[in-house]
Amino acid sequence: MTELLLDIKNLSVSLPTDRGLLNAVRGVDLEIARGHTLCLVGESGCGKSLTAMALMGLLPRYASVTCDRFDMAGQDLTHNPQSKLSQLRGRDVAMIFQDPTSSLNPTLTIGRQLTEGVMRSERLDRSAADARAIEMLDRVGISNPAARLTQYPHAFSGGQRQRIMIASALMGRPRLLIADEPTTALDVTIQAQILRLLGELQSDLGLSMLLITHDLGVVAAIATDVAVMYAGRIAELAPANELFRAPLHPYTQGLLRAIPVPGVTKRGSQLPAIPGRVPGLIGTMHGCAFRDRCELASEECASSPVPRYAHGSDGFVECFMAAPGEALQ
């Protein structure tokens, strides 16, 4: 049986606002097996990054986080996850953030930023910490790493800074790596290099990875499994090959139709778009959140809760209108 490094059931995140409670993440279920990459995809504002921040215990104090099951790296964090997550961060789970420029302190050397955490958590002395930093910089493709420990972030290009952030995440030798849109701030050529690097590191180190993105091209290149998020909830989850071959949820189908196909999509032609807007998430939501944008919606879609059906070998879809497999709930 494949070992699960992440097992999340019914994760919810709510934030107080002047207009009421914003239910930004609504009952999310996620599983990641050892050595697998789960890609979490969806439009901006659907709750992807908030889900990652909740998993890392990095949400502000005013955020309300609830979960029926929260098992990470073999640790049961269901009760009092915040204090327990602080012990796992860096050592068992680490995160790469979206913008390397804002993630690195411009007033500290790269060496200090890489070694500070492991010197505290593992009680390494300076020479041992520097040796590990050199090893990680070399592994992510930074040339002459020993000499570059004394340099500051401004001495590196955008792609090099993202490589340094990856090296920083690997310093504690985690088993689970969370990457929140790690290529968004980079040009296309560098994006491909970073994605190839992440794939190589995963293979070499046996990492599990949660990759957050809105780019389905990235998903096709790297994902083992795909979770499609809409309005704070997982609408569809399936192995990557099954989801691209036979998407069941109308939202997933709309996302895939919008991808230009080389040799098929005519230059300058208008790509299909999903009409309408994402619904507001303040207060209680009934029925399917996608129904006002869906061509297949019926009166039944305003009911609550939306049924969940099996999707392929190991997934699910939440939709009244999708061709159903075995009912899961």
Protein backbone atom coordinates (compact mmCIF):
# COMPACT_ATOMS: atom_id res chain seq x y z
CA MET A 1 0.00 0.00 0.00
CA THR A 2 1.33 3.46 -0.94
CA GLU A 3 2.32 5.59 2.04
CA LEU A 4 0.34 8.82 2.38
CA LEU A 5 2.40 11.83 3.40
CA LEU A 6 -0.60 14.15 3.43
CA ASP A 7 -4.15 13.17 4.35
CA ILE A 8 -6.59 16.06 4.74
CA LYS A 9 -10.33 15.70 5.28
CA ASN A 10 -12.85 18.54 5.34
CA LEU A 11 -10.37 21.43 5.66
CA SER A 12 -12.11 24.79 5.96
CA VAL A 13 -10.70 28.32 6.31
CA SER A 14 -12.84 31.32 7.23
CA LEU A 15 -11.81 34.97 7.48
CA PRO A 16 -13.77 37.80 9.15
CA THR A 17 -14.62 40.79 6.93
CA ASP A 18 -16.68 43.96 7.30
CA ARG A 19 -19.47 42.27 5.32
CA GLY A 20 -19.46 39.00 7.25
CA LEU A 21 -17.54 35.72 7.38
CA LEU A 22 -15.65 34.86 4.20
CA ASN A 23 -15.64 31.07 3.74
CA ALA A 24 -12.54 30.95 1.54
CA VAL A 25 -11.83 27.19 1.77
CA ARG A 26 -14.90 24.98 2.13
CA GLY A 27 -14.43 21.35 3.09
CA VAL A 28 -11.36 20.41 1.05
CA ASP A 29 -10.15 16.78 0.92
CA LEU A 30 -6.57 16.10 -0.26
CA GLU A 31 -4.25 13.08 -0.27
CA ILE A 32 -0.65 12.93 -1.46
CA ALA A 33 1.26 9.65 -1.64
CA ARG A 34 5.01 9.29 -1.18
CA GLY A 35 6.85 10.31 -4.36
CA HIS A 36 3.70 11.73 -6.01
CA THR A 37 2.93 15.25 -7.22
CA LEU A 38 -0.55 16.60 -6.64
CA CYS A 39 -1.27 19.73 -8.68
CA LEU A 40 -3.91 22.04 -7.22
CA VAL A 41 -5.34 24.14 -10.04
CA GLY A 42 -8.00 26.81 -10.44
CA GLU A 43 -8.64 30.48 -11.11
CA SER A 44 -7.04 33.22 -9.05
CA GLY A 45 -8.90 33.70 -5.78
CA CYS A 46 -10.33 30.16 -5.60
CA GLY A 47 -8.49 29.34 -2.36
CA LYS A 48 -5.36 27.52 -3.57
CA SER A 49 -2.80 29.62 -1.70
CA LEU A 50 -4.94 29.81 1.45
CA THR A 51 -5.08 26.01 1.43
CA ALA A 52 -1.28 25.87 1.26
CA MET A 53 -0.88 28.46 4.02
CA ALA A 54 -3.28 26.47 6.22
CA LEU A 55 -1.24 23.31 5.62
CA MET A 56 1.91 25.17 6.69
CA GLY A 57 0.28 26.84 9.69
CA LEU A 58 1.09 30.30 8.32
CA LEU A 59 -2.34 31.92 8.35
CA PRO A 60 -2.93 34.99 10.56
CA ARG A 61 -4.42 34.51 14.01
CA TYR A 62 -7.80 35.91 12.98
CA ALA A 63 -8.27 33.10 10.43
CA SER A 64 -10.43 30.21 11.58
CA VAL A 65 -9.16 26.78 10.46
CA THR A 66 -11.12 23.56 11.03
CA CYS A 67 -10.42 20.03 9.83
CA ASP A 68 -11.83 16.55 10.49
CA ARG A 69 -8.49 14.89 9.71
CA PHE A 70 -5.06 16.48 9.35
CA ASP A 71 -2.25 13.95 8.99
CA MET A 72 1.06 15.21 7.65
CA ALA A 73 4.32 13.25 7.38
CA GLY A 74 2.97 10.61 9.75
CA GLN A 75 1.96 13.14 12.41
CA ASP A 76 -1.67 13.54 13.50
CA LEU A 77 -2.25 17.30 13.59
CA THR A 78 -6.05 17.25 13.78
CA HIS A 79 -6.03 18.75 17.27
CA ASN A 80 -4.01 21.92 17.87
CA PRO A 81 -2.28 21.86 14.46
CA GLN A 82 -0.65 25.29 14.78
CA SER A 83 1.82 24.38 17.54
CA LYS A 84 2.59 20.97 16.01
CA LEU A 85 3.15 22.39 12.53
CA SER A 86 5.88 24.67 13.83
CA GLN A 87 7.84 21.54 14.74
CA LEU A 88 7.38 20.03 11.26
CA ARG A 89 8.11 23.12 9.14
CA GLY A 90 11.44 22.86 7.39
CA ARG A 91 12.18 19.38 8.71
CA ASP A 92 9.24 17.35 7.33
CA VAL A 93 7.42 19.87 5.17
CA ALA A 94 8.72 23.00 3.42
CA MET A 95 7.28 25.59 1.08
CA ILE A 96 8.50 27.49 -1.97
CA PHE A 97 6.71 30.81 -2.38
CA GLN A 98 5.60 32.55 -5.54
CA ASP A 99 7.96 35.53 -5.65
CA PRO A 100 11.63 34.85 -4.80
CA THR A 101 12.42 38.58 -4.73
CA SER A 102 10.07 39.26 -1.81
CA SER A 103 10.91 35.96 -0.10
CA LEU A 104 14.63 36.72 0.30
CA ASN A 105 15.87 39.37 2.74
CA PRO A 106 17.98 41.87 0.74
CA THR A 107 20.06 42.79 3.81
CA LEU A 108 21.28 39.26 4.64
CA THR A 109 23.72 37.06 2.76
CA ILE A 110 22.43 33.97 1.01
CA GLY A 111 24.51 31.81 3.33
CA ARG A 112 22.91 33.23 6.45
CA GLN A 113 19.42 32.88 5.04
CA LEU A 114 20.02 29.26 4.08
CA THR A 115 21.63 28.18 7.35
CA GLU A 116 19.73 30.08 10.01
CA GLY A 117 16.83 27.62 10.22
CA VAL A 118 18.83 24.37 10.37
CA MET A 119 21.30 25.78 12.87
CA ARG A 120 18.36 26.40 15.19
CA SER A 121 16.26 23.30 14.48
CA GLU A 122 19.05 20.72 14.15
CA ARG A 123 21.64 22.49 16.30
CA LEU A 124 24.24 22.35 13.53
CA ASP A 125 27.43 24.35 13.95
CA ARG A 126 28.40 26.95 11.34
CA SER A 127 30.70 24.70 9.32
CA ALA A 128 28.16 21.85 9.11
CA ALA A 129 25.37 24.24 8.15
CA ASP A 130 27.54 25.90 5.48
CA ALA A 131 28.48 22.49 4.10
CA ARG A 132 24.80 21.58 3.72
CA ALA A 133 24.03 24.95 2.11
CA ILE A 134 26.83 24.41 -0.41
CA GLU A 135 25.49 20.93 -1.15
CA MET A 136 21.95 22.24 -1.73
CA LEU A 137 23.04 25.17 -3.88
CA ASP A 138 25.08 22.79 -6.01
CA ARG A 139 22.11 20.42 -6.27
CA VAL A 140 19.83 23.18 -7.59
CA GLY A 141 22.40 24.31 -10.17
CA ILE A 142 24.05 27.37 -8.60
CA SER A 143 27.64 27.43 -9.85
CA ASN A 144 30.58 27.96 -7.45
CA PRO A 145 28.26 27.64 -4.43
CA ALA A 146 30.91 28.03 -1.72
CA ALA A 147 31.89 31.49 -2.95
CA ARG A 148 28.29 32.60 -3.40
CA LEU A 149 27.29 32.03 0.24
CA THR A 150 28.67 35.48 1.05
CA GLN A 151 26.71 37.27 -1.67
CA TYR A 152 23.39 39.12 -1.28
CA PRO A 153 20.15 38.47 -3.24
CA HIS A 154 20.69 41.40 -5.63
CA ALA A 155 23.72 39.58 -7.10
CA PHE A 156 21.46 36.84 -8.51
CA SER A 157 19.00 36.74 -11.41
CA GLY A 158 15.31 35.96 -10.92
CA GLY A 159 15.79 32.33 -11.94
CA GLN A 160 18.78 31.97 -9.63
CA ARG A 161 16.80 33.43 -6.72
CA GLN A 162 14.09 30.86 -7.26
CA ARG A 163 16.74 28.12 -7.27
CA ILE A 164 18.02 29.54 -3.97
CA MET A 165 14.48 29.40 -2.56
CA ILE A 166 14.27 25.75 -3.60
CA ALA A 167 17.64 25.10 -1.93
CA SER A 168 16.36 26.84 1.20
CA ALA A 169 13.25 24.62 1.25
CA LEU A 170 15.47 21.52 0.94
CA MET A 171 17.85 22.48 3.75
CA GLY A 172 15.82 20.58 6.36
CA ARG A 173 15.54 17.54 4.06
CA PRO A 174 11.72 17.54 4.06
CA ARG A 175 9.56 14.72 2.79
CA LEU A 176 6.76 16.99 1.52
CA LEU A 177 7.40 20.09 -0.59
CA ILE A 178 4.64 22.67 -1.16
CA ALA A 179 5.29 24.95 -4.16
CA ASP A 180 2.92 27.90 -4.56
CA GLU A 181 3.09 28.99 -8.22
CA PRO A 182 6.91 28.78 -8.19
CA THR A 183 7.33 29.86 -11.82
CA THR A 184 4.81 32.71 -12.10
CA ALA A 185 7.38 35.52 -11.74
CA LEU A 186 9.80 33.98 -14.27
CA ASP A 187 10.01 34.09 -18.06
CA VAL A 188 8.99 31.05 -20.09
CA THR A 189 12.50 29.64 -20.62
CA ILE A 190 13.37 29.87 -16.92
CA GLN A 191 9.97 28.40 -16.00
CA ALA A 192 10.82 25.25 -17.95
CA GLN A 193 14.22 25.00 -16.22
CA ILE A 194 12.67 25.32 -12.75
CA LEU A 195 9.99 22.74 -13.50
CA ARG A 196 12.61 20.33 -14.83
CA LEU A 197 14.69 20.93 -11.69
CA LEU A 198 11.72 20.20 -9.41
CA GLY A 199 11.05 16.96 -11.29
CA GLU A 200 14.68 15.88 -10.97
CA LEU A 201 14.79 16.72 -7.26
CA GLN A 202 11.61 14.81 -6.64
CA SER A 203 13.02 11.74 -8.36
CA ASP A 204 16.42 11.97 -6.68
CA LEU A 205 15.18 12.72 -3.16
CA GLY A 206 11.89 10.78 -3.13
CA LEU A 207 9.91 13.94 -2.38
CA SER A 208 6.15 14.26 -2.37
CA MET A 209 4.97 17.57 -3.77
CA LEU A 210 1.90 19.78 -3.70
CA LEU A 211 2.24 22.14 -6.68
CA ILE A 212 -0.19 25.05 -6.83
CA THR A 213 -0.72 26.59 -10.25
CA HIS A 214 -3.28 27.97 -12.68
CA ASP A 215 -1.21 26.80 -15.68
CA LEU A 216 -2.53 23.51 -17.08
CA GLY A 217 0.58 23.20 -19.25
CA VAL A 218 2.62 22.94 -16.05
CA VAL A 219 0.15 20.37 -14.74
CA ALA A 220 0.51 18.19 -17.84
CA ALA A 221 4.30 18.25 -17.51
CA ILE A 222 4.68 17.34 -13.85
CA ALA A 223 1.50 16.09 -12.15
CA THR A 224 0.74 12.60 -10.87
CA ASP A 225 -2.71 13.67 -9.71
CA VAL A 226 -4.78 16.83 -10.26
CA ALA A 227 -7.27 18.56 -7.95
CA VAL A 228 -9.39 21.22 -9.66
CA MET A 229 -10.51 23.88 -7.18
CA TYR A 230 -13.43 26.23 -7.63
CA ALA A 231 -14.82 28.75 -5.12
CA GLY A 232 -12.96 27.19 -2.20
CA ARG A 233 -13.86 23.57 -2.89
CA ILE A 234 -12.41 20.65 -4.89
CA ALA A 235 -14.74 20.16 -7.86
CA GLU A 236 -12.80 17.26 -9.41
CA LEU A 237 -9.81 15.12 -8.45
CA ALA A 238 -8.26 12.41 -10.59
CA PRO A 239 -4.95 10.97 -11.80
CA ALA A 240 -3.52 13.42 -14.33
CA ASN A 241 -3.82 11.14 -17.37
CA GLU A 242 -7.46 10.35 -16.57
CA LEU A 243 -8.41 13.97 -15.98
CA PHE A 244 -6.89 15.19 -19.26
CA ARG A 245 -8.40 12.28 -21.18
CA ALA A 246 -11.91 12.43 -19.71
CA PRO A 247 -12.70 15.48 -17.55
CA LEU A 248 -16.14 15.16 -15.96
CA HIS A 249 -16.85 18.49 -14.29
CA PRO A 250 -18.11 21.27 -16.61
CA TYR A 251 -15.63 23.68 -15.02
CA THR A 252 -12.68 21.38 -15.76
CA GLN A 253 -13.94 20.92 -19.30
CA GLY A 254 -14.10 24.71 -19.73
CA LEU A 255 -10.54 25.14 -18.47
CA LEU A 256 -9.23 22.52 -20.89
CA ARG A 257 -11.13 24.00 -23.87
CA ALA A 258 -9.38 27.32 -23.23
CA ILE A 259 -5.91 25.84 -23.78
CA PRO A 260 -4.51 26.64 -27.26
CA VAL A 261 -3.52 23.49 -29.18
CA PRO A 262 -0.40 23.79 -31.41
CA GLY A 263 -1.29 23.09 -35.02
CA VAL A 264 -5.04 23.24 -34.30
CA THR A 265 -5.75 26.64 -32.76
CA LYS A 266 -5.48 29.32 -35.42
CA ARG A 267 -3.17 32.24 -34.68
CA GLY A 268 -5.16 35.28 -33.57
CA SER A 269 -8.39 33.33 -33.04
CA GLN A 270 -10.40 33.87 -29.87
CA LEU A 271 -10.11 31.11 -27.29
CA PRO A 272 -13.26 29.77 -25.61
CA ALA A 273 -13.91 31.41 -22.24
CA ILE A 274 -16.05 30.42 -19.28
CA PRO A 275 -18.81 33.05 -18.99
CA GLY A 276 -19.82 34.78 -15.78
CA ARG A 277 -18.00 35.44 -12.53
CA VAL A 278 -16.92 33.44 -9.51
CA PRO A 279 -19.59 33.76 -6.77
CA GLY A 280 -18.95 35.61 -3.54
CA LEU A 281 -18.02 33.38 -0.62
CA ILE A 282 -19.37 35.48 2.23
CA GLY A 283 -22.01 33.62 4.21
CA THR A 284 -23.46 30.16 3.55
CA MET A 285 -23.46 28.78 0.02
CA HIS A 286 -26.09 26.29 -1.12
CA GLY A 287 -25.85 23.91 -4.05
CA CYS A 288 -23.19 23.99 -6.75
CA ALA A 289 -21.04 27.13 -6.74
CA PHE A 290 -20.52 26.83 -10.52
CA ARG A 291 -24.19 26.62 -11.49
CA ASP A 292 -24.59 30.25 -12.64
CA ARG A 293 -21.76 29.78 -15.17
CA CYS A 294 -22.67 26.26 -16.29
CA GLU A 295 -24.53 25.47 -19.53
CA LEU A 296 -25.80 22.20 -18.04
CA ALA A 297 -27.21 23.65 -14.81
CA SER A 298 -30.74 22.76 -13.75
CA GLU A 299 -32.93 23.58 -10.76
CA GLU A 300 -31.43 20.55 -9.02
CA CYS A 301 -28.02 22.26 -8.98
CA ALA A 302 -29.30 24.77 -6.40
CA SER A 303 -29.78 21.91 -3.93
CA SER A 304 -27.33 21.14 -1.13
CA PRO A 305 -25.16 19.19 -0.79
CA VAL A 306 -23.77 18.44 -4.26
CA PRO A 307 -23.32 14.66 -4.74
CA ARG A 308 -19.84 13.18 -5.08
CA TYR A 309 -19.15 10.39 -7.57
CA ALA A 310 -16.09 8.23 -8.18
CA HIS A 311 -13.87 9.38 -11.04
CA GLY A 312 -11.70 6.73 -12.67
CA SER A 313 -9.38 4.60 -10.56
CA ASP A 314 -8.78 6.95 -7.65
CA GLY A 315 -10.64 10.26 -7.77
CA PHE A 316 -13.99 11.99 -7.51
CA VAL A 317 -16.17 14.64 -9.09
CA GLU A 318 -18.79 16.80 -7.37
CA CYS A 319 -21.51 17.54 -9.90
CA PHE A 320 -25.21 16.77 -10.45
CA MET A 321 -24.79 16.63 -14.22
CA ALA A 322 -21.46 14.76 -14.66
CA ALA A 323 -21.65 11.17 -15.90
CA PRO A 324 -21.64 9.41 -12.52
CA GLY A 325 -19.50 6.56 -11.37
CA GLU A 326 -20.05 4.95 -7.99
CA ALA A 327 -21.71 7.35 -5.54
CA LEU A 328 -19.27 8.25 -2.75
CA GLN A 329 -21.55 10.38 -0.63
